[in-house]
Amino acid sequence: MPTDLDGRARAILRANDRAGYTVPNGQVYPFQWNWDSAFVALGFDGFDRDRAWTELETLFRAQWEDGFLPHIVFWQDDPGYFPGPSVWAAGRTPATSGITQPPVAATTLRSLWNSAQSAGESDLYRPRLEALFPRLMAWHRWFRDVRDPDRRGVVMTVHPWETGRDNSPEWDVPGEPIDISNVGDYVRRDTSHLDAKERPTKLEYDRYLALVQFGRALGWDHRAIAAASPFRVADVGMSMILLRANRDLLALAEELGRTAEAAELRELVARAEAGIDWLWDGEKHCWCSRDLLTGRFSGFVTSASFLSFYAGLHGPDKDAAMLTHFERIGDRVRYLMPSLDPDEPGFQMVRYWRGPVWAVVNYMIGTGLDECGYSAQARRMRADTLALIEHSGFQEAYSPVDASASGGGDFSWTAAIWLAWSS
C-alpha cells in the first residue's frame, strides 16, 4: 500500500489531536465523539501506543456516575457547532451531551491490550487496563439496566444520533410520532460547512432537536427517558456491537482474573444469543432494527445488518440469507458496503446514511466476515475500503457508485481505519 497515505493518515490524526482527545474533523465536528475515539485509538496504536490508550482514558473521564458514557464531550466550547453544550444543558463538568453511542470501546480496549502483549509491554499497560476495565463494565451494565427493557439482549435507542447512523431511513417511521411543534427557530451549522444535499432534511433535524428537548426536560434522567420517549427503537447496529463488546470485555475479565464480572458478562452474552433473533425479519430475510412501540420491523437492509458476523452470530441459514444480500448489493455498486440497500427507492449515494459507505462500518463488517470464515467477502470489504481512500482521500464517507466524497474531509476515523487495515 502507498506509504504516502500512511504518512498522510498519521498526519491527520496528529492534526486533529487536541492534547488527549481527537476531534473527528476540526471544521465540522470540533469535540470528542464517543465511538469516533474508539476507532481513532486503533489508528494511533500502530505508531503511538501510549496515545492510543490516552484516547480512551480521556473519553472515560467524562463518564457519569451511573456508568453512562455520553456521545459528545465538550472539553471546550465552540460557537461554530450546533447543538452545543448550552442546548444539551446536561449539567456536567466537563459538559457533555445527554445520549450515548455504539459501545465500541471494549472491543478497542481488547485490541490495544493484545497489541501491548505482542510488543512485550503487558507489564507497562496492565495497570491502565485494570483502571479502564471497571469503567467499561459500568457502561455495559448501564445498557443492561436502562436500555434493554424486555431483557432480550438488544439495545433500545431513544435518539437517532445515538446509533451513529444518524439519518438512516430506519428512523423515519418510528420518528413520525415525535412532536416538533415547539422546536422553535434555530440555525444549523452543518449545512454551512457541507452541501445540504448530503445532510438531513429540516424535518429530520426538527425531530432530532425535539428529542433533545424531551431529554433535557426530564433532566437527562435516562430511566425516565427510556420509559416515556416517543422514539424507542431496538437498533440492530448497537445491538450487534454490544454483543461483540460483551464478548471482548469477557475476554478481558478472564485475563484480569475478574471471576464475578466474567460470570456477569457470560450472562449478558447468553441473553443476547437467546434473544437477538427478535431482530431477524423473516419476510425480508435480514437483520433489521425494530420499533419497540409498535413491534414493526424497519424492513431495510442497511450496512448495520451485516454486523451479525461481527457480533459472532454464525449460523448456516441466516448466514446464507445475509450473504445472498451481500452478493446482490455487491453486484449493484462498485464499492461495498452502502449504508442503504441500493435497490431501495430512497437510496441516495451521497446523503447522510442513506447510501454512502463508511470505512468504520466496513471495518467491522470485514472483521466479522473474516472471523466467521467468509474470507472472500472479507477480502472484498477490505479492498473496497482501501480503494475508496486511495481514490478520494480520507473522507467522512464515500459514494458506493463512483467513490466521490461525502461529508467532511481529513476525517480521523477514516485515517485510523487505513492505518489499521493497510499494513
Protein backbone atom coordinates (compact mmCIF):
# COMPACT_ATOMS: atom_id res chain seq x y z
CA MET A 1 0.00 0.00 0.00
CA PRO A 2 1.21 3.54 -0.72
CA THR A 3 3.43 4.77 2.09
CA ASP A 4 2.47 8.37 1.38
CA LEU A 5 -1.06 7.56 2.52
CA ASP A 6 0.34 6.04 5.70
CA GLY A 7 2.08 9.32 6.42
CA ARG A 8 -0.96 11.34 5.49
CA ALA A 9 -3.15 9.25 7.81
CA ARG A 10 -0.77 9.76 10.72
CA ALA A 11 -0.61 13.49 9.97
CA ILE A 12 -4.42 13.75 10.08
CA LEU A 13 -4.56 12.08 13.49
CA ARG A 14 -1.84 14.40 14.76
CA ALA A 15 -3.56 17.48 13.33
CA ASN A 16 -6.91 16.51 14.87
CA ASP A 17 -5.33 15.73 18.25
CA ARG A 18 -6.40 18.15 20.95
CA ALA A 19 -3.93 17.11 23.67
CA GLY A 20 -5.56 13.90 24.82
CA TYR A 21 -8.58 13.55 22.60
CA THR A 22 -9.09 13.63 18.86
CA VAL A 23 -11.78 15.55 17.01
CA PRO A 24 -13.37 13.73 14.06
CA ASN A 25 -12.85 16.74 11.82
CA GLY A 26 -11.72 20.14 13.03
CA GLN A 27 -14.21 22.12 10.98
CA VAL A 28 -17.47 20.16 11.20
CA TYR A 29 -17.06 18.18 14.44
CA PRO A 30 -14.81 20.11 16.88
CA PHE A 31 -15.32 17.95 20.02
CA GLN A 32 -14.68 14.42 21.25
CA TRP A 33 -17.14 11.85 19.97
CA ASN A 34 -17.58 8.54 21.76
CA TRP A 35 -17.32 5.86 19.09
CA ASP A 36 -15.05 8.00 16.92
CA SER A 37 -12.47 7.93 19.70
CA ALA A 38 -12.67 4.15 19.93
CA PHE A 39 -11.76 3.79 16.27
CA VAL A 40 -9.19 6.58 16.42
CA ALA A 41 -7.36 4.64 19.15
CA LEU A 42 -6.89 1.75 16.70
CA GLY A 43 -5.12 4.11 14.33
CA PHE A 44 -2.84 5.60 16.96
CA ASP A 45 -1.94 2.14 18.23
CA GLY A 46 0.17 1.43 15.14
CA PHE A 47 2.59 4.30 15.75
CA ASP A 48 1.94 5.73 19.22
CA ARG A 49 0.67 3.14 21.68
CA ASP A 50 0.61 5.49 24.65
CA ARG A 51 -1.51 7.99 22.73
CA ALA A 52 -3.96 5.25 21.76
CA TRP A 53 -4.61 4.39 25.39
CA THR A 54 -4.87 8.05 26.32
CA GLU A 55 -7.70 8.46 23.80
CA LEU A 56 -9.90 6.00 25.70
CA GLU A 57 -8.79 7.25 29.10
CA THR A 58 -9.75 10.81 28.19
CA LEU A 59 -13.14 9.68 26.93
CA PHE A 60 -13.94 7.84 30.14
CA ARG A 61 -13.03 10.88 32.23
CA ALA A 62 -16.44 12.19 31.13
CA GLN A 63 -18.36 9.10 32.29
CA TRP A 64 -21.35 9.77 34.53
CA GLU A 65 -21.61 8.22 37.99
CA ASP A 66 -24.19 5.64 36.87
CA GLY A 67 -21.93 4.30 34.11
CA PHE A 68 -23.49 6.25 31.24
CA LEU A 69 -20.95 7.42 28.65
CA PRO A 70 -22.06 10.41 26.54
CA HIS A 71 -21.80 10.62 22.79
CA ILE A 72 -20.11 14.06 22.84
CA VAL A 73 -17.71 15.55 25.36
CA PHE A 74 -17.42 19.33 25.08
CA TRP A 75 -13.97 19.78 26.53
CA GLN A 76 -14.13 23.36 25.25
CA ASP A 77 -16.95 25.32 23.69
CA ASP A 78 -17.08 26.16 20.00
CA PRO A 79 -19.78 28.59 18.85
CA GLY A 80 -19.49 27.16 15.34
CA TYR A 81 -21.21 23.92 16.36
CA PHE A 82 -24.92 23.33 16.94
CA PRO A 83 -26.34 21.96 19.17
CA GLY A 84 -23.64 22.86 21.65
CA PRO A 85 -23.41 22.34 25.42
CA SER A 86 -25.91 25.08 26.27
CA VAL A 87 -28.56 23.31 24.19
CA TRP A 88 -27.94 19.96 25.82
CA ALA A 89 -27.77 21.51 29.32
CA ALA A 90 -26.68 18.21 30.87
CA GLY A 91 -25.28 19.97 33.92
CA ARG A 92 -21.98 18.11 33.83
CA THR A 93 -18.32 19.04 34.15
CA PRO A 94 -16.94 18.58 31.58
CA ALA A 95 -20.01 19.48 29.58
CA THR A 96 -21.49 16.56 27.66
CA SER A 97 -24.47 15.56 25.59
CA GLY A 98 -27.25 13.52 27.19
CA ILE A 99 -27.27 10.50 24.88
CA THR A 100 -24.76 7.73 24.23
CA GLN A 101 -23.31 5.99 21.14
CA PRO A 102 -22.44 2.47 19.94
CA PRO A 103 -20.25 0.74 22.58
CA VAL A 104 -17.15 0.02 20.53
CA ALA A 105 -14.71 0.87 23.31
CA ALA A 106 -14.42 -2.58 24.91
CA THR A 107 -13.54 -4.15 21.57
CA THR A 108 -10.92 -1.47 21.00
CA LEU A 109 -9.51 -1.94 24.50
CA ARG A 110 -9.08 -5.65 23.89
CA SER A 111 -7.26 -4.89 20.64
CA LEU A 112 -4.97 -2.40 22.39
CA TRP A 113 -4.22 -4.91 25.12
CA ASN A 114 -3.44 -7.68 22.62
CA SER A 115 -1.13 -5.29 20.80
CA ALA A 116 0.68 -4.37 24.01
CA GLN A 117 1.12 -8.04 24.87
CA SER A 118 2.52 -8.80 21.42
CA ALA A 119 5.02 -5.97 21.86
CA GLY A 120 6.13 -7.34 25.23
CA GLU A 121 4.69 -4.34 27.07
CA SER A 122 1.98 -6.03 29.12
CA ASP A 123 3.59 -5.01 32.42
CA LEU A 124 3.55 -1.39 31.32
CA TYR A 125 -0.08 -1.36 30.18
CA ARG A 126 -1.71 -3.76 32.63
CA PRO A 127 -2.29 -1.03 35.27
CA ARG A 128 -4.05 1.07 32.62
CA LEU A 129 -6.16 -1.93 31.63
CA GLU A 130 -7.02 -2.51 35.28
CA ALA A 131 -8.13 1.13 35.60
CA LEU A 132 -10.25 1.14 32.44
CA PHE A 133 -11.94 -2.23 32.93
CA PRO A 134 -14.39 -1.18 35.69
CA ARG A 135 -15.38 1.87 33.67
CA LEU A 136 -16.24 -0.31 30.68
CA MET A 137 -18.07 -2.70 32.96
CA ALA A 138 -20.15 0.14 34.39
CA TRP A 139 -21.14 1.31 30.90
CA HIS A 140 -22.17 -2.18 29.81
CA ARG A 141 -24.24 -2.56 33.00
CA TRP A 142 -25.92 0.75 32.15
CA PHE A 143 -27.01 -0.68 28.79
CA ARG A 144 -28.32 -3.79 30.56
CA ASP A 145 -30.21 -1.89 33.23
CA VAL A 146 -31.51 1.11 31.26
CA ARG A 147 -31.65 0.16 27.59
CA ASP A 148 -32.82 -3.47 27.48
CA PRO A 149 -36.37 -3.19 28.86
CA ASP A 150 -37.51 -6.59 27.61
CA ARG A 151 -34.29 -8.36 28.63
CA ARG A 152 -33.66 -9.67 25.14
CA GLY A 153 -30.05 -8.54 24.94
CA VAL A 154 -30.90 -5.86 22.36
CA VAL A 155 -30.25 -2.13 22.69
CA MET A 156 -33.08 0.35 22.80
CA THR A 157 -32.12 3.72 21.38
CA VAL A 158 -34.02 6.90 22.22
CA HIS A 159 -32.39 9.16 19.64
CA PRO A 160 -31.18 8.52 16.07
CA TRP A 161 -27.89 10.24 16.91
CA GLU A 162 -27.16 7.52 19.45
CA THR A 163 -26.97 4.89 16.75
CA GLY A 164 -24.08 6.61 14.97
CA ARG A 165 -26.11 6.11 11.79
CA ASP A 166 -27.92 9.35 12.42
CA ASN A 167 -30.05 9.71 9.33
CA SER A 168 -30.79 6.12 8.39
CA PRO A 169 -34.26 5.61 6.87
CA GLU A 170 -34.82 3.09 9.66
CA TRP A 171 -35.75 6.02 11.89
CA ASP A 172 -38.30 7.64 9.55
CA VAL A 173 -41.46 5.77 10.55
CA PRO A 174 -40.60 5.48 14.27
CA GLY A 175 -39.89 9.21 14.19
CA GLU A 176 -43.33 10.22 12.94
CA PRO A 177 -44.93 10.46 16.42
CA ILE A 178 -42.29 12.96 17.62
CA ASP A 179 -43.95 16.30 18.35
CA ILE A 180 -41.94 19.04 16.64
CA SER A 181 -44.42 21.85 17.21
CA ASN A 182 -42.36 23.52 19.95
CA VAL A 183 -38.89 23.13 18.47
CA GLY A 184 -38.71 26.83 17.65
CA ASP A 185 -36.20 28.63 15.48
CA TYR A 186 -32.58 27.55 15.29
CA VAL A 187 -29.62 27.92 12.99
CA ARG A 188 -27.95 24.74 11.79
CA ARG A 189 -24.18 24.77 11.43
CA ASP A 190 -23.68 21.55 9.49
CA THR A 191 -25.10 22.96 6.26
CA SER A 192 -22.77 25.96 6.46
CA HIS A 193 -19.81 23.58 6.15
CA LEU A 194 -21.29 20.89 3.92
CA ASP A 195 -23.62 20.65 0.94
CA ALA A 196 -27.23 20.46 2.11
CA LYS A 197 -27.90 17.60 -0.31
CA GLU A 198 -25.58 15.45 1.85
CA ARG A 199 -27.26 16.33 5.14
CA PRO A 200 -30.53 15.52 6.96
CA THR A 201 -33.63 17.45 5.94
CA LYS A 202 -35.20 20.13 8.14
CA LEU A 203 -37.97 17.73 9.21
CA GLU A 204 -35.40 15.18 10.31
CA TYR A 205 -33.40 17.79 12.17
CA ASP A 206 -36.54 19.12 13.87
CA ARG A 207 -37.18 15.63 15.19
CA TYR A 208 -33.62 15.33 16.47
CA LEU A 209 -33.92 18.60 18.37
CA ALA A 210 -37.35 17.74 19.74
CA LEU A 211 -35.84 14.60 21.28
CA VAL A 212 -33.02 16.66 22.79
CA GLN A 213 -35.62 18.98 24.31
CA PHE A 214 -37.55 15.97 25.62
CA GLY A 215 -34.50 14.57 27.37
CA ARG A 216 -33.49 17.96 28.74
CA ALA A 217 -36.99 18.50 30.17
CA LEU A 218 -36.57 15.23 32.11
CA GLY A 219 -33.22 16.38 33.47
CA TRP A 220 -31.49 13.66 31.47
CA ASP A 221 -32.96 11.01 33.76
CA HIS A 222 -32.21 8.08 31.49
CA ARG A 223 -34.64 5.69 33.12
CA ALA A 224 -37.46 8.21 32.76
CA ILE A 225 -36.49 8.90 29.15
CA ALA A 226 -36.39 5.17 28.37
CA ALA A 227 -39.87 4.74 29.82
CA ALA A 228 -41.54 7.65 28.06
CA SER A 229 -39.62 8.68 24.94
CA PRO A 230 -41.74 8.98 21.79
CA PHE A 231 -38.83 7.35 19.93
CA ARG A 232 -37.86 3.89 21.18
CA VAL A 233 -36.24 1.60 18.65
CA ALA A 234 -34.24 -1.60 19.01
CA ASP A 235 -31.23 -0.72 16.87
CA VAL A 236 -29.67 -3.64 15.06
CA GLY A 237 -26.32 -1.86 14.84
CA MET A 238 -25.95 -1.03 18.51
CA SER A 239 -27.26 -4.46 19.49
CA MET A 240 -24.68 -6.29 17.38
CA ILE A 241 -21.88 -4.01 18.54
CA LEU A 242 -22.80 -4.50 22.21
CA LEU A 243 -22.88 -8.28 21.84
CA ARG A 244 -19.41 -8.17 20.31
CA ALA A 245 -18.24 -5.75 23.01
CA ASN A 246 -19.55 -8.01 25.78
CA ARG A 247 -17.61 -10.92 24.31
CA ASP A 248 -14.45 -8.82 24.24
CA LEU A 249 -14.98 -7.45 27.73
CA LEU A 250 -15.47 -11.04 28.91
CA ALA A 251 -12.08 -11.98 27.45
CA LEU A 252 -10.52 -9.07 29.36
CA ALA A 253 -12.29 -10.06 32.57
CA GLU A 254 -10.84 -13.55 32.26
CA GLU A 255 -7.41 -12.08 31.52
CA LEU A 256 -7.61 -9.99 34.69
CA GLY A 257 -8.99 -12.78 36.84
CA ARG A 258 -12.25 -10.90 37.47
CA THR A 259 -14.37 -14.01 38.04
CA ALA A 260 -17.53 -12.24 39.22
CA GLU A 261 -17.53 -9.84 36.29
CA ALA A 262 -16.76 -12.68 33.89
CA ALA A 263 -19.83 -14.57 35.11
CA GLU A 264 -21.92 -11.43 34.71
CA LEU A 265 -20.70 -10.94 31.15
CA ARG A 266 -21.37 -14.57 30.24
CA GLU A 267 -24.96 -13.99 31.30
CA LEU A 268 -25.18 -10.91 29.09
CA VAL A 269 -23.78 -12.79 26.09
CA ALA A 270 -26.15 -15.70 26.68
CA ARG A 271 -29.11 -13.34 26.97
CA ALA A 272 -28.30 -11.73 23.64
CA GLU A 273 -27.66 -15.04 21.91
CA ALA A 274 -31.08 -16.21 23.10
CA GLY A 275 -32.99 -13.01 22.40
CA ILE A 276 -31.44 -11.19 19.49
CA ASP A 277 -33.37 -13.23 16.93
CA TRP A 278 -36.17 -10.77 17.69
CA LEU A 279 -34.32 -8.54 15.20
CA TRP A 280 -34.47 -11.11 12.40
CA ASP A 281 -37.05 -10.06 9.81
CA GLY A 282 -38.31 -13.34 8.37
CA GLU A 283 -40.05 -11.66 5.45
CA LYS A 284 -37.00 -9.61 4.44
CA HIS A 285 -34.60 -12.45 5.37
CA CYS A 286 -32.37 -9.93 7.07
CA TRP A 287 -31.30 -8.48 10.41
CA CYS A 288 -33.23 -5.21 10.86
CA SER A 289 -33.97 -2.61 13.51
CA ARG A 290 -37.41 -2.80 15.09
CA ASP A 291 -39.76 -0.23 16.61
CA LEU A 292 -40.30 -1.13 20.26
CA LEU A 293 -43.56 0.82 20.43
CA THR A 294 -45.25 -0.95 17.51
CA GLY A 295 -43.14 -4.09 17.04
CA ARG A 296 -42.74 -3.16 13.38
CA PHE A 297 -39.53 -4.07 11.54
CA SER A 298 -37.77 -1.34 9.61
CA GLY A 299 -37.68 -3.62 6.58
CA PHE A 300 -34.42 -2.08 5.39
CA VAL A 301 -31.21 -3.88 4.56
CA THR A 302 -28.54 -1.47 5.79
CA SER A 303 -24.81 -1.77 6.37
CA ALA A 304 -25.62 -2.43 10.04
CA SER A 305 -27.49 -5.57 9.03
CA PHE A 306 -24.16 -7.19 8.21
CA LEU A 307 -22.77 -6.62 11.71
CA SER A 308 -24.22 -10.00 12.72
CA PHE A 309 -20.89 -11.55 11.71
CA TYR A 310 -19.01 -9.03 13.87
CA ALA A 311 -21.29 -9.97 16.77
CA GLY A 312 -20.29 -13.62 16.41
CA LEU A 313 -23.74 -14.77 15.27
CA HIS A 314 -22.83 -17.57 12.94
CA GLY A 315 -25.50 -19.96 11.64
CA PRO A 316 -25.99 -21.55 8.22
CA ASP A 317 -29.49 -20.33 7.35
CA LYS A 318 -29.17 -16.70 8.43
CA ASP A 319 -25.60 -16.52 7.13
CA ALA A 320 -26.75 -17.78 3.73
CA ALA A 321 -29.51 -15.17 3.61
CA MET A 322 -27.13 -12.35 4.56
CA LEU A 323 -24.51 -13.49 2.07
CA THR A 324 -27.18 -13.51 -0.64
CA HIS A 325 -27.88 -9.86 0.20
CA PHE A 326 -24.13 -9.24 0.22
CA GLU A 327 -23.66 -10.62 -3.30
CA ARG A 328 -26.76 -8.86 -4.66
CA ILE A 329 -25.66 -5.49 -3.30
CA GLY A 330 -22.08 -6.14 -4.39
CA ASP A 331 -23.33 -6.57 -7.96
CA ARG A 332 -25.24 -3.29 -7.81
CA VAL A 333 -22.46 -0.98 -6.64
CA ARG A 334 -18.78 -0.57 -7.32
CA TYR A 335 -17.81 -0.21 -3.66
CA LEU A 336 -19.21 -2.02 -0.65
CA MET A 337 -20.94 -1.54 1.78
CA PRO A 338 -23.53 1.15 1.06
CA SER A 339 -25.35 2.30 4.18
CA LEU A 340 -28.67 1.54 2.46
CA ASP A 341 -29.64 -1.17 0.02
CA PRO A 342 -29.26 0.40 -3.46
CA ASP A 343 -32.47 -1.36 -4.55
CA GLU A 344 -34.44 0.81 -2.12
CA PRO A 345 -36.27 3.77 -3.73
CA GLY A 346 -34.83 6.03 -1.03
CA PHE A 347 -31.21 5.17 -1.81
CA GLN A 348 -29.11 8.32 -2.27
CA MET A 349 -25.43 7.82 -2.91
CA VAL A 350 -24.24 10.93 -1.04
CA ARG A 351 -26.95 11.71 1.56
CA TYR A 352 -26.02 11.03 5.17
CA TRP A 353 -26.54 7.32 5.98
CA ARG A 354 -28.92 6.82 3.05
CA GLY A 355 -26.36 5.37 0.69
CA PRO A 356 -22.74 6.39 1.36
CA VAL A 357 -20.05 3.99 2.56
CA TRP A 358 -18.39 4.49 5.95
CA ALA A 359 -14.94 2.99 6.46
CA VAL A 360 -15.55 2.18 10.12
CA VAL A 361 -18.66 0.13 9.38
CA ASN A 362 -16.80 -1.65 6.60
CA TYR A 363 -14.03 -2.45 9.09
CA MET A 364 -16.47 -4.08 11.47
CA ILE A 365 -18.24 -6.00 8.71
CA GLY A 366 -14.97 -7.17 7.19
CA THR A 367 -13.58 -8.21 10.57
CA GLY A 368 -16.70 -10.23 11.30
CA LEU A 369 -16.78 -11.91 7.91
CA ASP A 370 -13.15 -12.92 8.28
CA GLU A 371 -13.70 -14.33 11.77
CA CYS A 372 -16.69 -16.34 10.55
CA GLY A 373 -14.66 -17.86 7.73
CA TYR A 374 -16.08 -15.90 4.81
CA SER A 375 -12.68 -14.89 3.55
CA ALA A 376 -13.62 -13.90 0.00
CA GLN A 377 -16.27 -11.47 1.22
CA ALA A 378 -13.88 -10.16 3.88
CA ARG A 379 -11.23 -9.51 1.24
CA ARG A 380 -13.66 -7.52 -0.85
CA MET A 381 -14.68 -5.39 2.15
CA ARG A 382 -11.07 -4.54 2.85
CA ALA A 383 -10.12 -3.99 -0.78
CA ASP A 384 -13.12 -1.75 -1.49
CA THR A 385 -12.48 0.33 1.63
CA LEU A 386 -8.84 0.92 0.81
CA ALA A 387 -9.71 1.66 -2.83
CA LEU A 388 -12.17 4.35 -1.75
CA ILE A 389 -9.49 6.02 0.34
CA GLU A 390 -6.90 5.75 -2.43
CA HIS A 391 -9.37 7.31 -4.86
CA SER A 392 -10.74 10.19 -2.77
CA GLY A 393 -8.59 10.58 0.32
CA PHE A 394 -9.59 10.43 3.97
CA GLN A 395 -13.22 11.47 3.75
CA GLU A 396 -16.06 11.02 6.22
CA ALA A 397 -17.91 8.82 3.73
CA TYR A 398 -17.98 7.88 0.05
CA SER A 399 -20.39 7.20 -2.76
CA PRO A 400 -20.59 3.44 -3.34
CA VAL A 401 -21.15 4.18 -7.02
CA ASP A 402 -18.25 6.44 -8.01
CA ALA A 403 -16.17 6.91 -4.80
CA SER A 404 -16.94 10.63 -4.63
CA ALA A 405 -16.58 12.23 -1.22
CA SER A 406 -19.46 12.76 1.18
CA GLY A 407 -19.27 14.71 4.44
CA GLY A 408 -16.16 16.21 5.97
CA GLY A 409 -12.58 15.76 4.83
CA ASP A 410 -9.38 14.82 6.69
CA PHE A 411 -11.52 12.54 8.82
CA SER A 412 -9.88 10.95 11.84
CA TRP A 413 -11.58 7.59 11.94
CA THR A 414 -11.09 7.03 8.23
CA ALA A 415 -7.38 7.70 8.68
CA ALA A 416 -7.41 5.27 11.60
CA ILE A 417 -9.03 2.51 9.57
CA TRP A 418 -6.45 2.99 6.82
CA LEU A 419 -3.67 2.52 9.36
CA ALA A 420 -5.38 -0.48 10.95
CA TRP A 421 -6.14 -2.21 7.64
CA SER A 422 -3.50 -1.20 5.12
CA SER A 423 -0.48 -2.95 6.64
